[in-house]
């Protein structure tokens, strides 16, 4: 990152997109300016007594200041721990606590969401709020490069994923595995040329963040949009001549169905990477008609990625014995992919349905401080994804279902147990079962069947609001069905979510949905 900042010092590096009406002005930084700001933040964090390897949390939207943190933690060899703005306070506390964060940087707009956490997280010594005084505070620190010793095996970032118990797990990337993941993301993409613009319409704390470093290293421009809005995204893509971008299917669906989408100039586009959730056929075909042959799709997960990729010529092709349109692409050369028996993890023959297992350079070494979960998800150096799929004779991967009932809504992972625990904490709720149902907007959304006590006064709307308050609005159920009957169970007494889920998926050929 330092080398790229040196060689591209006067080239544009970062843009925070403004609105077309000028209500929010566009802000731009060269590589020299962005790196200098990052060095000032690095020295500010080190001045607090932090040392290389210490974890630092961050809660923010996509703004120019988020690049200060991206660059500053790298320059100081500190470990980024992104928090997710759509999560509730309990999730923030858990992510900070189990990673032992010593400091937290938070934008002013999210400060209320972490109020009081310094008293609840034993390791948390410093909370830095980016308020009106942030610029003067930052300018008060030296811009000399601290240049700490950095090993390829030092931790670089800890990202969080869902867990079957409802508790998020930390997935650590080293400097090397982060670079390897970026290399594999771009292996089959069109080459990045100096000045190419990559739009981050989704948060760089999530999937879009994997594109940030490769663009920086290649002399590209990282264009940040603080909040996703289809009107703003369409305007910005045309105005800033966006060449690359990452969109979950729900975002792509909103963009290509925008009333002006067919009237725009998309000639500058090279690649729109689609990921984070399954995509519906009609959305992919419409997007190709509107945007051209620029769609790329891959498969992976926070624990190991990417493992498959395909570009537009392959995605929309006719291949004897395969259906690329319904697939997630074919394995990349720097990784291995197998379909294994869900119970024994033994490899299955081509064409068989089983659990998708991955081995690649951009994978976790294990869950952060969680050897039990690591043992469940890793066999030797293979990561067991929990997704059910099959490989055909041409190497195309088809994702069919999810072993652990995870719900993917708008690109975000939602685990049923987390919602079920929140619902059953209500005194009038006896038990609850949560599962995914099809959603035209989000691909799928959580839905709950809840057993309440006789004469209960609680309403479905109250329980939905309870979930939003405790876990974040994006995790709330789209609907709740109240009953006084006992919920169906398996022979060993476990909730039979699939029995309740099945009627909602009648007529569909797979139990995952796309936008």
Protein backbone atom coordinates (compact mmCIF):
# COMPACT_ATOMS: atom_id res chain seq x y z
CA UNK A 1 0.00 0.00 0.00
CA UNK A 2 2.88 2.34 0.81
CA UNK A 3 4.56 1.59 -2.53
CA UNK A 4 1.38 2.28 -4.49
CA UNK A 5 0.86 5.55 -2.62
CA UNK A 6 4.42 6.55 -3.54
CA UNK A 7 4.28 5.66 -7.23
CA UNK A 8 0.75 7.03 -7.73
CA UNK A 9 1.06 9.97 -5.37
CA UNK A 10 -0.63 12.58 -7.61
CA UNK A 11 -3.27 10.28 -9.08
CA UNK A 12 -6.83 10.14 -7.70
CA UNK A 13 -7.20 7.45 -5.05
CA UNK A 14 -10.46 8.02 -3.21
CA UNK A 15 -13.80 9.64 -3.98
CA UNK A 16 -16.71 10.02 -1.60
CA UNK A 17 -19.67 10.37 -3.90
CA UNK A 18 -21.85 13.41 -3.49
CA UNK A 19 -25.46 13.76 -4.52
CA UNK A 20 -26.52 15.05 -7.93
CA UNK A 21 -28.28 18.03 -6.33
CA UNK A 22 -25.16 19.04 -4.40
CA UNK A 23 -26.76 18.49 -0.99
CA UNK A 24 -23.76 16.32 -0.13
CA UNK A 25 -20.64 17.52 -1.98
CA UNK A 26 -18.27 15.08 -3.66
CA UNK A 27 -14.91 14.81 -1.87
CA UNK A 28 -11.71 13.57 -3.53
CA UNK A 29 -8.23 12.59 -2.39
CA UNK A 30 -5.04 11.80 -4.26
CA UNK A 31 -2.91 8.86 -3.18
CA UNK A 32 -0.53 11.23 -1.39
CA UNK A 33 -3.39 12.91 0.47
CA UNK A 34 -5.11 9.65 1.42
CA UNK A 35 -1.90 8.01 2.61
CA UNK A 36 -0.88 11.10 4.59
CA UNK A 37 -4.23 11.08 6.40
CA UNK A 38 -3.77 7.39 7.08
CA UNK A 39 -0.31 7.97 8.56
CA UNK A 40 -1.69 10.68 10.85
CA UNK A 41 -4.36 8.27 12.13
CA UNK A 42 -1.74 5.53 12.53
CA UNK A 43 0.32 7.80 14.75
CA UNK A 44 -2.78 8.93 16.64
CA UNK A 45 -3.63 5.31 17.49
CA UNK A 46 -0.04 4.47 18.43
CA UNK A 47 0.04 7.58 20.61
CA UNK A 48 -2.78 6.02 22.67
CA UNK A 49 -0.40 3.21 23.59
CA UNK A 50 -1.63 0.71 21.00
CA UNK A 51 0.97 -1.59 19.56
CA UNK A 52 1.21 -3.69 16.37
CA UNK A 53 -1.14 -6.65 16.58
CA UNK A 54 -3.67 -4.87 18.82
CA UNK A 55 -7.26 -5.00 17.60
CA UNK A 56 -9.20 -1.83 16.83
CA UNK A 57 -12.92 -1.83 16.12
CA UNK A 58 -14.63 0.52 13.68
CA UNK A 59 -18.29 1.39 13.12
CA UNK A 60 -18.88 3.57 10.08
CA UNK A 61 -20.49 3.96 6.68
CA UNK A 62 -18.58 4.31 3.41
CA UNK A 63 -17.02 7.76 3.72
CA UNK A 64 -13.70 9.42 3.00
CA UNK A 65 -12.82 9.02 6.70
CA UNK A 66 -13.22 5.25 6.44
CA UNK A 67 -10.13 5.27 4.19
CA UNK A 68 -8.19 6.97 7.01
CA UNK A 69 -8.88 3.88 9.09
CA UNK A 70 -8.20 1.40 6.24
CA UNK A 71 -4.80 2.98 5.56
CA UNK A 72 -3.94 3.94 9.14
CA UNK A 73 -4.38 0.51 10.70
CA UNK A 74 -2.33 -1.05 7.89
CA UNK A 75 0.47 1.51 8.36
CA UNK A 76 0.55 0.88 12.12
CA UNK A 77 0.18 -2.90 11.72
CA UNK A 78 -2.99 -2.84 13.82
CA UNK A 79 -5.82 -5.29 13.22
CA UNK A 80 -9.12 -3.94 11.85
CA UNK A 81 -12.33 -5.29 13.38
CA UNK A 82 -15.25 -3.89 11.34
CA UNK A 83 -18.60 -3.67 13.12
CA UNK A 84 -21.75 -3.72 11.04
CA UNK A 85 -24.05 -0.67 11.20
CA UNK A 86 -27.15 -2.81 10.83
CA UNK A 87 -26.37 -4.87 13.92
CA UNK A 88 -27.70 -4.20 17.42
CA UNK A 89 -25.67 -3.22 20.47
CA UNK A 90 -25.38 -6.80 21.76
CA UNK A 91 -23.67 -7.87 18.54
CA UNK A 92 -21.30 -4.87 18.72
CA UNK A 93 -20.40 -5.79 22.29
CA UNK A 94 -19.69 -9.41 21.38
CA UNK A 95 -17.49 -8.55 18.39
CA UNK A 96 -15.41 -6.09 20.41
CA UNK A 97 -15.19 -8.29 23.48
CA UNK A 98 -14.17 -11.63 22.04
CA UNK A 99 -11.51 -10.04 19.80
CA UNK A 100 -10.12 -8.02 22.73
CA UNK A 101 -10.35 -4.65 21.00
CA UNK A 102 -8.44 -1.96 22.85
CA UNK A 103 -9.91 0.93 20.86
CA UNK A 104 -13.01 1.75 18.84
CA UNK A 105 -13.35 4.37 16.09
CA UNK A 106 -16.94 5.36 15.35
CA UNK A 107 -18.55 7.91 13.07
CA UNK A 108 -20.72 10.48 14.81
CA UNK A 109 -23.85 9.15 13.12
CA UNK A 110 -23.36 5.77 14.84
CA UNK A 111 -22.03 6.96 18.20
CA UNK A 112 -25.34 6.37 19.98
CA UNK A 113 -25.29 2.72 18.90
CA UNK A 114 -22.16 2.03 20.98
CA UNK A 115 -22.85 4.33 23.94
CA UNK A 116 -21.81 2.66 27.18
CA UNK A 117 -19.81 -0.15 25.57
CA UNK A 118 -16.57 1.09 27.13
CA UNK A 119 -18.05 0.07 30.49
CA UNK A 120 -19.20 -3.33 29.21
CA UNK A 121 -16.11 -4.45 27.26
CA UNK A 122 -13.19 -5.00 29.61
CA UNK A 123 -10.49 -4.60 26.98
CA UNK A 124 -11.91 -1.39 25.47
CA UNK A 125 -9.77 1.54 26.64
CA UNK A 126 -10.46 4.22 24.01
CA UNK A 127 -13.49 5.33 21.98
CA UNK A 128 -12.76 7.87 19.24
CA UNK A 129 -15.83 9.60 17.81
CA UNK A 130 -15.47 11.30 14.44
CA UNK A 131 -17.41 14.44 15.31
CA UNK A 132 -16.94 18.03 14.14
CA UNK A 133 -13.53 18.15 15.81
CA UNK A 134 -12.14 15.12 14.00
CA UNK A 135 -10.30 17.00 11.23
CA UNK A 136 -8.49 19.30 13.66
CA UNK A 137 -7.69 16.34 15.92
CA UNK A 138 -6.28 14.33 13.00
CA UNK A 139 -4.21 17.26 11.73
CA UNK A 140 -2.51 17.46 15.13
CA UNK A 141 -0.59 14.23 14.60
CA UNK A 142 2.64 13.67 12.71
CA UNK A 143 2.50 12.29 9.17
CA UNK A 144 5.81 10.42 9.49
CA UNK A 145 5.46 6.77 8.51
CA UNK A 146 5.80 4.67 11.70
CA UNK A 147 7.06 1.81 9.48
CA UNK A 148 6.68 -1.06 11.97
CA UNK A 149 8.03 -4.49 11.20
CA UNK A 150 5.32 -6.46 9.37
CA UNK A 151 5.32 -10.20 8.78
CA UNK A 152 3.13 -11.75 6.05
CA UNK A 153 1.65 -13.89 8.84
CA UNK A 154 0.64 -10.96 11.07
CA UNK A 155 -3.11 -10.50 11.43
CA UNK A 156 -4.57 -7.83 9.16
CA UNK A 157 -8.35 -7.95 9.74
CA UNK A 158 -10.94 -9.93 11.67
CA UNK A 159 -14.27 -10.15 9.85
CA UNK A 160 -17.32 -11.66 11.44
CA UNK A 161 -19.73 -14.24 10.15
CA UNK A 162 -22.85 -15.85 11.59
CA UNK A 163 -22.86 -18.99 13.70
CA UNK A 164 -25.30 -21.80 14.24
CA UNK A 165 -25.68 -20.79 17.87
CA UNK A 166 -26.51 -17.23 16.86
CA UNK A 167 -23.15 -15.89 18.11
CA UNK A 168 -21.02 -14.35 15.38
CA UNK A 169 -17.57 -15.83 14.85
CA UNK A 170 -14.40 -13.95 14.02
CA UNK A 171 -12.52 -14.89 10.86
CA UNK A 172 -8.98 -13.58 10.83
CA UNK A 173 -7.02 -12.80 7.70
CA UNK A 174 -3.27 -12.31 7.74
CA UNK A 175 -1.58 -9.82 5.43
CA UNK A 176 -0.79 -12.71 3.11
CA UNK A 177 -4.24 -14.32 3.07
CA UNK A 178 -5.87 -10.91 2.48
CA UNK A 179 -3.60 -10.31 -0.53
CA UNK A 180 -4.20 -13.86 -1.77
CA UNK A 181 -7.98 -13.40 -1.57
CA UNK A 182 -7.71 -10.15 -3.54
CA UNK A 183 -5.53 -11.82 -6.16
CA UNK A 184 -8.07 -14.58 -6.64
CA UNK A 185 -11.02 -12.14 -6.78
CA UNK A 186 -9.37 -10.45 -9.76
CA UNK A 187 -7.79 -13.50 -11.40
CA UNK A 188 -10.44 -13.81 -14.14
CA UNK A 189 -11.53 -10.15 -14.21
CA UNK A 190 -10.47 -7.60 -16.85
CA UNK A 191 -7.10 -6.02 -15.94
CA UNK A 192 -7.26 -2.88 -13.79
CA UNK A 193 -5.78 0.13 -15.57
CA UNK A 194 -4.49 3.29 -13.95
CA UNK A 195 -7.42 5.50 -12.97
CA UNK A 196 -10.14 2.84 -13.28
CA UNK A 197 -12.97 3.60 -10.84
CA UNK A 198 -14.35 0.92 -8.50
CA UNK A 199 -17.67 1.81 -6.91
CA UNK A 200 -18.44 0.57 -3.39
CA UNK A 201 -22.23 0.81 -3.20
CA UNK A 202 -22.21 -1.77 -0.42
CA UNK A 203 -20.23 -1.39 2.82
CA UNK A 204 -16.49 -2.02 2.62
CA UNK A 205 -16.92 -3.88 5.92
CA UNK A 206 -18.62 -6.59 3.83
CA UNK A 207 -18.05 -8.09 0.37
CA UNK A 208 -17.17 -4.85 -1.38
CA UNK A 209 -14.16 -4.46 0.92
CA UNK A 210 -12.38 -7.31 -0.85
CA UNK A 211 -12.09 -5.07 -3.93
CA UNK A 212 -10.61 -2.09 -2.09
CA UNK A 213 -7.01 -3.28 -1.68
CA UNK A 214 -6.58 -4.71 -5.22
CA UNK A 215 -7.80 -1.39 -6.67
CA UNK A 216 -5.44 0.58 -4.41
CA UNK A 217 -2.48 -1.62 -5.36
CA UNK A 218 -3.20 -1.14 -9.08
CA UNK A 219 -3.53 2.64 -9.06
CA UNK A 220 -7.31 2.58 -9.33
CA UNK A 221 -9.86 4.82 -7.67
CA UNK A 222 -12.05 3.62 -4.79
CA UNK A 223 -15.41 5.38 -5.00
CA UNK A 224 -17.42 5.24 -1.77
CA UNK A 225 -21.19 5.68 -1.48
CA UNK A 226 -22.28 6.22 2.15
CA UNK A 227 -25.74 4.67 1.81
CA UNK A 228 -27.25 2.57 -0.95
CA UNK A 229 -29.94 4.42 -2.88
CA UNK A 230 -30.76 3.31 -6.41
CA UNK A 231 -31.23 6.87 -7.71
CA UNK A 232 -27.88 7.93 -6.30
CA UNK A 233 -26.06 4.80 -7.43
CA UNK A 234 -27.27 5.05 -11.02
CA UNK A 235 -26.35 8.75 -11.18
CA UNK A 236 -22.92 8.12 -9.67
CA UNK A 237 -22.08 5.16 -11.90
CA UNK A 238 -22.65 7.28 -14.98
CA UNK A 239 -21.17 10.54 -13.68
CA UNK A 240 -17.96 9.00 -12.30
CA UNK A 241 -17.56 6.56 -15.21
CA UNK A 242 -17.47 3.52 -12.94
CA UNK A 243 -15.54 0.55 -14.34
CA UNK A 244 -15.78 -1.95 -11.48
CA UNK A 245 -18.15 -2.62 -8.63
CA UNK A 246 -19.57 -5.19 -6.25
CA UNK A 247 -23.33 -5.59 -5.87
CA UNK A 248 -25.43 -8.12 -4.01
CA UNK A 249 -28.38 -9.26 -6.15
CA UNK A 250 -30.87 -7.03 -4.31
CA UNK A 251 -28.78 -3.97 -5.25
CA UNK A 252 -28.31 -5.09 -8.85
CA UNK A 253 -32.04 -5.69 -9.14
CA UNK A 254 -32.77 -2.12 -7.97
CA UNK A 255 -30.19 -0.63 -10.35
CA UNK A 256 -31.24 -2.40 -13.54
CA UNK A 257 -34.95 -1.85 -12.87
CA UNK A 258 -34.41 1.87 -12.26
CA UNK A 259 -36.69 3.88 -14.57
CA UNK A 260 -33.70 5.52 -16.30
CA UNK A 261 -31.39 2.48 -16.41
CA UNK A 262 -31.82 1.83 -20.15
CA UNK A 263 -31.13 5.50 -20.96
CA UNK A 264 -27.72 5.64 -19.25
CA UNK A 265 -24.25 5.42 -20.76
CA UNK A 266 -22.69 2.19 -19.47
CA UNK A 267 -19.84 2.06 -22.00
CA UNK A 268 -17.19 2.53 -19.28
CA UNK A 269 -18.18 -0.61 -17.33
CA UNK A 270 -15.71 -3.50 -17.27
CA UNK A 271 -16.96 -5.64 -14.40
CA UNK A 272 -19.84 -5.78 -11.95
CA UNK A 273 -19.07 -8.54 -9.46
CA UNK A 274 -22.20 -10.25 -8.12
CA UNK A 275 -22.06 -12.11 -4.82
CA UNK A 276 -23.32 -12.41 -1.29
CA UNK A 277 -26.54 -14.26 -2.19
CA UNK A 278 -28.09 -16.30 -5.00
CA UNK A 279 -29.34 -14.38 -8.02
CA UNK A 280 -32.56 -15.03 -9.92
CA UNK A 281 -32.32 -15.87 -13.62
CA UNK A 282 -34.51 -12.97 -14.74
CA UNK A 283 -32.42 -10.44 -12.81
CA UNK A 284 -29.19 -11.74 -14.37
CA UNK A 285 -30.67 -11.70 -17.87
CA UNK A 286 -32.16 -8.23 -17.45
CA UNK A 287 -28.87 -6.90 -16.06
CA UNK A 288 -27.03 -8.26 -19.08
CA UNK A 289 -29.51 -6.54 -21.40
CA UNK A 290 -29.15 -3.22 -19.56
CA UNK A 291 -25.45 -3.15 -18.64
CA UNK A 292 -23.90 -5.36 -21.31
CA UNK A 293 -21.45 -8.24 -20.94
CA UNK A 294 -19.94 -7.06 -17.66
CA UNK A 295 -21.44 -9.43 -15.07
CA UNK A 296 -19.15 -11.73 -13.09
CA UNK A 297 -20.28 -14.18 -10.45
CA UNK A 298 -18.29 -16.11 -7.86
CA UNK A 299 -18.81 -18.28 -4.82
CA UNK A 300 -17.17 -18.29 -1.42
CA UNK A 301 -17.80 -17.22 2.14
CA UNK A 302 -16.02 -15.17 4.77
CA UNK A 303 -14.25 -18.31 5.95
CA UNK A 304 -12.82 -19.14 2.49
CA UNK A 305 -13.02 -17.13 -0.70
CA UNK A 306 -13.27 -16.99 -3.58
CA UNK A 307 -13.34 -20.51 -4.93
CA UNK A 308 -15.37 -20.17 -8.15
CA UNK A 309 -15.72 -17.40 -10.72
CA UNK A 310 -17.19 -16.94 -14.16
CA UNK A 311 -17.53 -14.03 -16.53
CA UNK A 312 -20.40 -13.01 -18.79
CA UNK A 313 -19.47 -15.08 -21.84
CA UNK A 314 -19.44 -18.23 -19.74
CA UNK A 315 -22.36 -17.29 -17.46
CA UNK A 316 -24.77 -16.80 -20.35
CA UNK A 317 -23.43 -19.55 -22.59
CA UNK A 318 -24.89 -22.87 -23.65
CA UNK A 319 -22.76 -25.81 -22.45
CA UNK A 320 -23.72 -29.40 -23.15
CA UNK A 321 -24.39 -31.20 -19.88
CA UNK A 322 -24.44 -27.97 -17.84
CA UNK A 323 -26.62 -24.98 -17.06
CA UNK A 324 -24.20 -22.09 -16.40
CA UNK A 325 -27.06 -19.63 -15.83
CA UNK A 326 -28.10 -21.52 -12.68
CA UNK A 327 -24.56 -22.20 -11.51
CA UNK A 328 -22.07 -20.31 -9.34
CA UNK A 329 -19.19 -20.74 -11.77
CA UNK A 330 -16.24 -23.12 -11.91
CA UNK A 331 -13.29 -23.57 -9.51
CA UNK A 332 -10.40 -21.11 -9.71
CA UNK A 333 -6.86 -22.42 -10.24
CA UNK A 334 -5.53 -21.38 -6.81
CA UNK A 335 -7.97 -23.47 -4.82
CA UNK A 336 -9.65 -26.84 -4.46
CA UNK A 337 -13.36 -27.59 -4.24
CA UNK A 338 -15.00 -30.90 -3.34
CA UNK A 339 -18.49 -32.14 -2.59
CA UNK A 340 -18.35 -34.23 0.58
CA UNK A 341 -20.70 -36.34 2.64
CA UNK A 342 -22.37 -33.98 5.16
CA UNK A 343 -21.87 -36.50 7.97
CA UNK A 344 -18.44 -38.00 7.28
CA UNK A 345 -16.80 -35.26 5.16
CA UNK A 346 -15.64 -37.97 2.75
CA UNK A 347 -15.47 -36.90 -0.93
CA UNK A 348 -18.43 -37.79 -3.14
CA UNK A 349 -18.38 -38.51 -6.89
CA UNK A 350 -19.11 -35.90 -9.55
CA UNK A 351 -22.85 -35.24 -9.77
CA UNK A 352 -23.63 -36.21 -6.18
CA UNK A 353 -25.26 -33.75 -3.79
CA UNK A 354 -23.41 -33.00 -0.56
CA UNK A 355 -21.64 -30.33 1.46
CA UNK A 356 -19.36 -27.92 -0.38
CA UNK A 357 -15.79 -28.06 0.96
CA UNK A 358 -13.11 -25.49 0.06
CA UNK A 359 -9.34 -25.29 0.32
CA UNK A 360 -7.80 -22.04 -0.96
CA UNK A 361 -5.13 -19.46 -0.17
CA UNK A 362 -7.68 -16.87 0.95
CA UNK A 363 -9.17 -18.95 3.77
CA UNK A 364 -9.23 -18.73 7.53
CA UNK A 365 -6.76 -20.57 9.72
CA UNK A 366 -9.58 -21.03 12.21
CA UNK A 367 -12.22 -19.03 14.05
CA UNK A 368 -10.82 -16.39 16.38
CA UNK A 369 -10.40 -17.83 19.90
CA UNK A 370 -12.98 -20.51 19.15
CA UNK A 371 -11.33 -23.94 18.78
CA UNK A 372 -14.64 -25.79 19.17
CA UNK A 373 -16.22 -24.02 16.20
CA UNK A 374 -13.00 -24.41 14.23
CA UNK A 375 -13.07 -28.16 14.79
CA UNK A 376 -16.66 -28.29 13.50
CA UNK A 377 -15.90 -26.40 10.29
CA UNK A 378 -12.39 -27.55 9.34
CA UNK A 379 -11.14 -31.00 8.34
CA UNK A 380 -7.36 -30.92 8.06
CA UNK A 381 -6.91 -27.82 5.86
CA UNK A 382 -10.38 -27.95 4.28
CA UNK A 383 -13.19 -25.56 5.20
CA UNK A 384 -16.66 -27.12 5.36
CA UNK A 385 -19.01 -24.41 4.13
CA UNK A 386 -22.33 -25.68 5.46
CA UNK A 387 -23.77 -25.19 1.97
CA UNK A 388 -25.21 -28.10 0.04
CA UNK A 389 -24.35 -28.32 -3.64
CA UNK A 390 -23.14 -30.45 -6.52
CA UNK A 391 -20.49 -30.29 -9.24
CA UNK A 392 -21.31 -31.36 -12.78
CA UNK A 393 -19.01 -33.05 -15.28
CA UNK A 394 -17.85 -29.68 -16.66
CA UNK A 395 -16.92 -28.32 -13.24
CA UNK A 396 -19.91 -26.02 -12.70
CA UNK A 397 -20.99 -25.64 -9.07
CA UNK A 398 -24.69 -25.52 -8.17
CA UNK A 399 -25.65 -24.28 -4.69
CA UNK A 400 -28.82 -26.10 -3.65
CA UNK A 401 -29.49 -25.54 0.05
CA UNK A 402 -27.83 -24.64 3.35
CA UNK A 403 -26.93 -27.33 5.80
CA UNK A 404 -27.51 -25.24 8.89
CA UNK A 405 -30.62 -23.32 7.79
CA UNK A 406 -28.82 -20.01 7.44
CA UNK A 407 -30.89 -17.26 5.80
CA UNK A 408 -29.27 -14.85 3.32
CA UNK A 409 -31.32 -11.67 3.05
CA UNK A 410 -30.05 -8.90 0.77
CA UNK A 411 -26.51 -10.29 1.04
CA UNK A 412 -26.51 -10.46 4.86
CA UNK A 413 -26.27 -13.73 6.81
CA UNK A 414 -29.03 -14.29 9.36
CA UNK A 415 -29.05 -17.32 11.61
CA UNK A 416 -32.41 -18.64 12.87
CA UNK A 417 -31.16 -19.45 16.39
CA UNK A 418 -30.28 -15.81 17.04
CA UNK A 419 -33.84 -14.70 16.27
CA UNK A 420 -35.36 -17.65 18.07
CA UNK A 421 -33.45 -16.79 21.25
CA UNK A 422 -34.70 -13.20 21.10
CA UNK A 423 -38.30 -14.28 20.54
CA UNK A 424 -38.34 -16.88 23.32
CA UNK A 425 -36.98 -14.33 25.80
CA UNK A 426 -40.46 -12.77 25.73
CA UNK A 427 -42.45 -14.04 28.75
CA UNK A 428 -45.48 -15.02 26.64
CA UNK A 429 -43.49 -17.00 24.04
CA UNK A 430 -43.08 -20.74 24.59
CA UNK A 431 -40.98 -21.61 21.53
CA UNK A 432 -40.15 -20.22 18.12
CA UNK A 433 -38.95 -21.52 14.76
CA UNK A 434 -37.34 -19.18 12.22
CA UNK A 435 -36.65 -19.99 8.58
CA UNK A 436 -36.22 -18.24 5.24
CA UNK A 437 -39.07 -17.53 2.86
CA UNK A 438 -38.86 -16.12 -0.70
CA UNK A 439 -38.73 -12.32 -1.01
CA UNK A 440 -38.95 -10.40 -4.28
CA UNK A 441 -36.85 -7.60 -2.85
CA UNK A 442 -34.26 -9.38 -0.67
CA UNK A 443 -34.09 -12.86 -2.23
CA UNK A 444 -35.31 -14.32 1.03
CA UNK A 445 -36.38 -12.98 4.41
CA UNK A 446 -36.71 -14.52 7.86
CA UNK A 447 -40.15 -15.72 8.89
CA UNK A 448 -41.19 -17.09 12.28
CA UNK A 449 -43.78 -19.44 13.66
CA UNK A 450 -44.15 -18.72 17.36
CA UNK A 451 -45.96 -20.71 20.02
CA UNK A 452 -47.43 -18.43 22.70
CA UNK A 453 -49.17 -19.19 25.99
CA UNK A 454 -52.97 -19.44 26.11
CA UNK A 455 -54.50 -15.98 26.39
CA UNK A 456 -51.30 -14.18 25.34
CA UNK A 457 -51.67 -10.49 24.54
CA UNK A 458 -48.43 -10.06 22.58
CA UNK A 459 -48.88 -9.34 18.87
CA UNK A 460 -46.80 -10.34 15.87
CA UNK A 461 -45.95 -6.67 15.27
CA UNK A 462 -44.59 -6.31 18.83
CA UNK A 463 -42.38 -9.37 18.40
CA UNK A 464 -41.07 -8.12 15.06
CA UNK A 465 -40.17 -4.79 16.66
CA UNK A 466 -38.48 -6.64 19.52
CA UNK A 467 -36.21 -8.42 17.05
CA UNK A 468 -35.38 -5.14 15.30
CA UNK A 469 -34.49 -3.45 18.60
CA UNK A 470 -32.27 -6.27 19.84
CA UNK A 471 -30.61 -7.48 16.65
CA UNK A 472 -30.94 -4.73 14.06
CA UNK A 473 -33.70 -3.96 11.62
CA UNK A 474 -32.35 -6.11 8.79
CA UNK A 475 -32.71 -9.24 10.92
CA UNK A 476 -36.33 -8.75 11.89
CA UNK A 477 -38.81 -11.32 10.55
CA UNK A 478 -40.85 -10.30 7.52
CA UNK A 479 -43.78 -11.99 9.20
CA UNK A 480 -44.69 -13.94 12.33
CA UNK A 481 -47.38 -16.57 12.65
CA UNK A 482 -48.70 -16.97 16.21
CA UNK A 483 -50.05 -20.30 17.44
CA UNK A 484 -50.75 -22.12 20.70
CA UNK A 485 -49.83 -25.49 19.16
CA UNK A 486 -46.52 -27.21 19.79
CA UNK A 487 -44.07 -26.80 16.93
CA UNK A 488 -43.00 -29.90 14.94
CA UNK A 489 -39.91 -31.71 16.18
CA UNK A 490 -37.45 -34.25 14.79
CA UNK A 491 -37.19 -37.71 16.38
CA UNK A 492 -34.46 -36.41 18.69
CA UNK A 493 -36.51 -33.39 19.74
CA UNK A 494 -34.95 -30.69 17.53
CA UNK A 495 -37.12 -28.06 15.86
CA UNK A 496 -38.15 -29.24 12.40
CA UNK A 497 -37.72 -25.92 10.63
CA UNK A 498 -37.82 -27.52 7.21
CA UNK A 499 -41.33 -28.89 7.84
CA UNK A 500 -42.56 -25.35 8.51
CA UNK A 501 -40.51 -23.85 5.71
CA UNK A 502 -41.52 -26.22 2.92
CA UNK A 503 -44.99 -24.78 2.10
CA UNK A 504 -43.47 -21.34 1.48
CA UNK A 505 -41.18 -22.79 -1.22
CA UNK A 506 -43.77 -24.87 -3.05
CA UNK A 507 -43.15 -24.90 -6.79
CA UNK A 508 -39.50 -23.79 -6.57
CA UNK A 509 -36.68 -26.14 -7.58
CA UNK A 510 -34.17 -25.11 -4.94
CA UNK A 511 -34.38 -23.93 -1.35
CA UNK A 512 -32.36 -20.76 -1.78
CA UNK A 513 -33.75 -17.70 -3.52
CA UNK A 514 -32.29 -14.87 -5.53
CA UNK A 515 -33.31 -11.31 -6.28
